[in-house]
Amino acid sequence: MARYNVNFELSVEDMELIEGALRRSKSELSSQLFDESAQPANAQTAPSGGEGDEEIRRIHDLLGRLHNQKVFYRPKTAPYISG
């Protein structure tokens, strides 16, 4: 029986490419939903049923999980001053 691969070998550039593609997809879906909602009610051919909202929510959640897995630089010898 097939199993999922739990070890991935992705570079930082690969992750940036994936994040960029997800952000573009999310932006395009948001624009489509906004355009649909801006049309008069009688001009809509078929209701979307919230499928686009659900997909945007899933993309947003995935982007958040990718962000939470990043390791950000913090100096160990001196106090951290952001800025």
N, C-alpha and C. Protein backbone atom coordinates (compact mmCIF):
# COMPACT_ATOMS: atom_id res chain seq x y z
N MET A 1 0.84 -1.18 0.00
CA MET A 1 0.00 0.00 0.00
C MET A 1 0.89 1.25 0.00
N ALA A 2 0.50 2.24 -0.74
CA ALA A 2 1.28 3.48 -0.86
C ALA A 2 1.16 4.31 0.42
N ARG A 3 2.26 5.01 0.74
CA ARG A 3 2.27 5.90 1.89
C ARG A 3 2.69 7.28 1.45
N TYR A 4 2.40 8.27 2.27
CA TYR A 4 2.82 9.64 2.00
C TYR A 4 4.28 9.81 2.37
N ASN A 5 5.00 10.62 1.60
CA ASN A 5 6.37 10.98 1.91
C ASN A 5 6.32 12.09 2.96
N VAL A 6 6.95 11.88 4.10
CA VAL A 6 6.93 12.89 5.16
C VAL A 6 8.17 13.77 5.16
N ASN A 7 9.17 13.42 4.36
CA ASN A 7 10.39 14.21 4.27
C ASN A 7 10.46 14.89 2.90
N PHE A 8 10.51 16.21 2.91
CA PHE A 8 10.57 16.97 1.68
C PHE A 8 11.90 17.68 1.60
N GLU A 9 12.46 17.75 0.41
CA GLU A 9 13.72 18.46 0.21
C GLU A 9 13.43 19.66 -0.68
N LEU A 10 13.01 20.74 -0.05
CA LEU A 10 12.71 21.98 -0.76
C LEU A 10 13.68 23.06 -0.32
N SER A 11 14.13 23.85 -1.28
CA SER A 11 15.02 24.96 -0.94
C SER A 11 14.19 26.18 -0.55
N VAL A 12 14.85 27.20 -0.08
CA VAL A 12 14.19 28.45 0.27
C VAL A 12 13.54 29.05 -0.97
N GLU A 13 14.22 28.94 -2.10
CA GLU A 13 13.67 29.46 -3.35
C GLU A 13 12.41 28.70 -3.75
N ASP A 14 12.40 27.39 -3.53
CA ASP A 14 11.21 26.59 -3.82
C ASP A 14 10.03 27.06 -2.97
N MET A 15 10.30 27.29 -1.70
CA MET A 15 9.24 27.74 -0.79
C MET A 15 8.72 29.12 -1.20
N GLU A 16 9.62 30.01 -1.61
CA GLU A 16 9.20 31.33 -2.07
C GLU A 16 8.33 31.23 -3.31
N LEU A 17 8.67 30.32 -4.21
CA LEU A 17 7.88 30.10 -5.42
C LEU A 17 6.49 29.57 -5.07
N ILE A 18 6.43 28.63 -4.15
CA ILE A 18 5.14 28.07 -3.72
C ILE A 18 4.29 29.14 -3.06
N GLU A 19 4.89 29.91 -2.16
CA GLU A 19 4.15 30.97 -1.48
C GLU A 19 3.65 32.02 -2.47
N GLY A 20 4.48 32.40 -3.44
CA GLY A 20 4.07 33.37 -4.45
C GLY A 20 2.89 32.87 -5.27
N ALA A 21 2.95 31.60 -5.66
CA ALA A 21 1.85 31.01 -6.44
C ALA A 21 0.57 30.97 -5.62
N LEU A 22 0.67 30.62 -4.35
CA LEU A 22 -0.52 30.60 -3.49
C LEU A 22 -1.10 32.00 -3.31
N ARG A 23 -0.23 32.99 -3.14
CA ARG A 23 -0.71 34.37 -2.98
C ARG A 23 -1.41 34.86 -4.26
N ARG A 24 -0.85 34.52 -5.43
CA ARG A 24 -1.49 34.91 -6.70
C ARG A 24 -2.85 34.23 -6.85
N SER A 25 -2.91 32.94 -6.52
CA SER A 25 -4.18 32.22 -6.62
C SER A 25 -5.23 32.83 -5.69
N LYS A 26 -4.79 33.15 -4.49
CA LYS A 26 -5.70 33.75 -3.51
C LYS A 26 -6.19 35.11 -4.00
N SER A 27 -5.28 35.89 -4.57
CA SER A 27 -5.64 37.21 -5.09
C SER A 27 -6.63 37.11 -6.24
N GLU A 28 -6.39 36.17 -7.16
CA GLU A 28 -7.29 35.99 -8.31
C GLU A 28 -8.67 35.53 -7.86
N LEU A 29 -8.72 34.59 -6.91
CA LEU A 29 -10.01 34.13 -6.40
C LEU A 29 -10.76 35.26 -5.70
N SER A 30 -10.04 36.06 -4.93
CA SER A 30 -10.66 37.19 -4.24
C SER A 30 -11.23 38.18 -5.24
N SER A 31 -10.48 38.45 -6.30
CA SER A 31 -10.95 39.39 -7.32
C SER A 31 -12.21 38.85 -8.01
N GLN A 32 -12.22 37.56 -8.32
CA GLN A 32 -13.39 36.96 -8.96
C GLN A 32 -14.61 37.05 -8.06
N LEU A 33 -14.43 36.75 -6.77
CA LEU A 33 -15.56 36.81 -5.84
C LEU A 33 -16.05 38.24 -5.67
N PHE A 34 -15.12 39.19 -5.65
CA PHE A 34 -15.51 40.59 -5.51
C PHE A 34 -16.28 41.05 -6.74
N ASP A 35 -15.81 40.65 -7.94
CA ASP A 35 -16.50 41.02 -9.17
C ASP A 35 -17.90 40.42 -9.22
N GLU A 36 -18.04 39.17 -8.77
CA GLU A 36 -19.35 38.52 -8.75
C GLU A 36 -20.30 39.23 -7.79
N SER A 37 -19.78 39.65 -6.64
CA SER A 37 -20.64 40.30 -5.66
C SER A 37 -21.00 41.71 -6.08
N ALA A 38 -20.20 42.33 -6.96
CA ALA A 38 -20.48 43.69 -7.41
C ALA A 38 -21.55 43.72 -8.50
N GLN A 39 -21.82 42.57 -9.14
CA GLN A 39 -22.85 42.52 -10.18
C GLN A 39 -24.24 42.57 -9.56
N PRO A 40 -25.23 43.11 -10.28
CA PRO A 40 -26.60 43.08 -9.77
C PRO A 40 -27.06 41.64 -9.58
N ALA A 41 -27.97 41.42 -8.65
CA ALA A 41 -28.43 40.07 -8.31
C ALA A 41 -29.06 39.36 -9.50
N ASN A 42 -29.77 40.08 -10.37
CA ASN A 42 -30.43 39.43 -11.50
C ASN A 42 -29.46 39.12 -12.63
N ALA A 43 -28.21 39.65 -12.61
CA ALA A 43 -27.23 39.42 -13.67
C ALA A 43 -26.41 38.16 -13.43
N GLN A 44 -26.45 37.63 -12.21
CA GLN A 44 -25.66 36.44 -11.91
C GLN A 44 -26.32 35.22 -12.56
N THR A 45 -25.52 34.40 -13.20
CA THR A 45 -26.05 33.22 -13.88
C THR A 45 -26.20 32.05 -12.92
N ALA A 46 -25.22 31.86 -12.04
CA ALA A 46 -25.30 30.75 -11.10
C ALA A 46 -24.62 31.17 -9.80
N PRO A 47 -25.23 30.87 -8.66
CA PRO A 47 -24.60 31.23 -7.38
C PRO A 47 -23.35 30.39 -7.14
N SER A 48 -22.35 31.02 -6.54
CA SER A 48 -21.08 30.32 -6.32
C SER A 48 -21.18 29.32 -5.18
N GLY A 49 -22.10 29.52 -4.25
CA GLY A 49 -22.29 28.56 -3.17
C GLY A 49 -21.20 28.57 -2.12
N GLY A 50 -20.34 29.57 -2.12
CA GLY A 50 -19.29 29.67 -1.11
C GLY A 50 -18.08 28.81 -1.38
N GLU A 51 -18.01 28.17 -2.55
CA GLU A 51 -16.85 27.33 -2.87
C GLU A 51 -15.59 28.17 -2.96
N GLY A 52 -15.69 29.36 -3.54
CA GLY A 52 -14.53 30.25 -3.64
C GLY A 52 -14.07 30.72 -2.28
N ASP A 53 -15.03 31.02 -1.40
CA ASP A 53 -14.67 31.43 -0.04
C ASP A 53 -13.91 30.32 0.68
N GLU A 54 -14.38 29.09 0.51
CA GLU A 54 -13.73 27.96 1.16
C GLU A 54 -12.31 27.76 0.63
N GLU A 55 -12.13 27.90 -0.67
CA GLU A 55 -10.80 27.75 -1.26
C GLU A 55 -9.86 28.86 -0.78
N ILE A 56 -10.35 30.08 -0.70
CA ILE A 56 -9.54 31.19 -0.18
C ILE A 56 -9.15 30.91 1.26
N ARG A 57 -10.08 30.41 2.04
CA ARG A 57 -9.80 30.10 3.44
C ARG A 57 -8.72 29.01 3.55
N ARG A 58 -8.80 27.99 2.69
CA ARG A 58 -7.81 26.92 2.72
C ARG A 58 -6.43 27.43 2.31
N ILE A 59 -6.36 28.28 1.30
CA ILE A 59 -5.08 28.86 0.86
C ILE A 59 -4.50 29.73 1.98
N HIS A 60 -5.35 30.54 2.60
CA HIS A 60 -4.90 31.41 3.70
C HIS A 60 -4.36 30.57 4.85
N ASP A 61 -5.03 29.48 5.17
CA ASP A 61 -4.59 28.59 6.24
C ASP A 61 -3.24 27.95 5.89
N LEU A 62 -3.09 27.50 4.65
CA LEU A 62 -1.83 26.90 4.23
C LEU A 62 -0.69 27.91 4.27
N LEU A 63 -0.94 29.13 3.82
CA LEU A 63 0.10 30.17 3.90
C LEU A 63 0.49 30.43 5.35
N GLY A 64 -0.47 30.40 6.25
CA GLY A 64 -0.17 30.59 7.67
C GLY A 64 0.67 29.45 8.22
N ARG A 65 0.37 28.22 7.84
CA ARG A 65 1.16 27.08 8.30
C ARG A 65 2.58 27.13 7.75
N LEU A 66 2.73 27.55 6.49
CA LEU A 66 4.08 27.71 5.93
C LEU A 66 4.86 28.79 6.67
N HIS A 67 4.18 29.88 6.98
CA HIS A 67 4.84 30.97 7.71
C HIS A 67 5.29 30.51 9.10
N ASN A 68 4.44 29.74 9.77
CA ASN A 68 4.77 29.29 11.12
C ASN A 68 5.93 28.30 11.15
N GLN A 69 6.28 27.69 10.03
CA GLN A 69 7.39 26.75 10.00
C GLN A 69 8.72 27.42 9.71
N LYS A 70 8.69 28.71 9.41
CA LYS A 70 9.94 29.41 9.12
C LYS A 70 10.72 29.66 10.40
N VAL A 71 12.03 29.70 10.28
CA VAL A 71 12.90 30.00 11.41
C VAL A 71 13.51 31.37 11.12
N PHE A 72 13.18 32.34 11.95
CA PHE A 72 13.67 33.69 11.75
C PHE A 72 14.94 33.91 12.56
N TYR A 73 15.82 34.74 12.05
CA TYR A 73 17.11 35.00 12.68
C TYR A 73 16.93 35.84 13.94
N ARG A 74 17.56 35.41 15.00
CA ARG A 74 17.65 36.18 16.23
C ARG A 74 19.06 36.02 16.77
N PRO A 75 19.74 37.12 17.05
CA PRO A 75 21.09 37.00 17.59
C PRO A 75 21.07 36.34 18.96
N LYS A 76 22.05 35.50 19.24
CA LYS A 76 22.09 34.78 20.50
C LYS A 76 22.93 35.49 21.56
N THR A 77 23.85 36.35 21.12
CA THR A 77 24.77 36.97 22.09
C THR A 77 24.31 38.34 22.57
N ALA A 78 23.53 39.05 21.77
CA ALA A 78 23.11 40.40 22.13
C ALA A 78 21.58 40.46 22.17
N PRO A 79 21.05 41.45 22.87
CA PRO A 79 19.59 41.59 22.89
C PRO A 79 19.05 41.87 21.49
N TYR A 80 17.88 41.35 21.22
CA TYR A 80 17.27 41.52 19.90
C TYR A 80 16.57 42.88 19.82
N ILE A 81 16.95 43.69 18.84
CA ILE A 81 16.32 44.98 18.60
C ILE A 81 15.78 44.96 17.18
N SER A 82 14.46 44.99 17.07
CA SER A 82 13.87 44.95 15.73
C SER A 82 13.86 46.36 15.16
N GLY A 83 13.63 46.41 13.87
CA GLY A 83 13.53 47.75 13.42
C GLY A 83 13.67 48.07 12.06
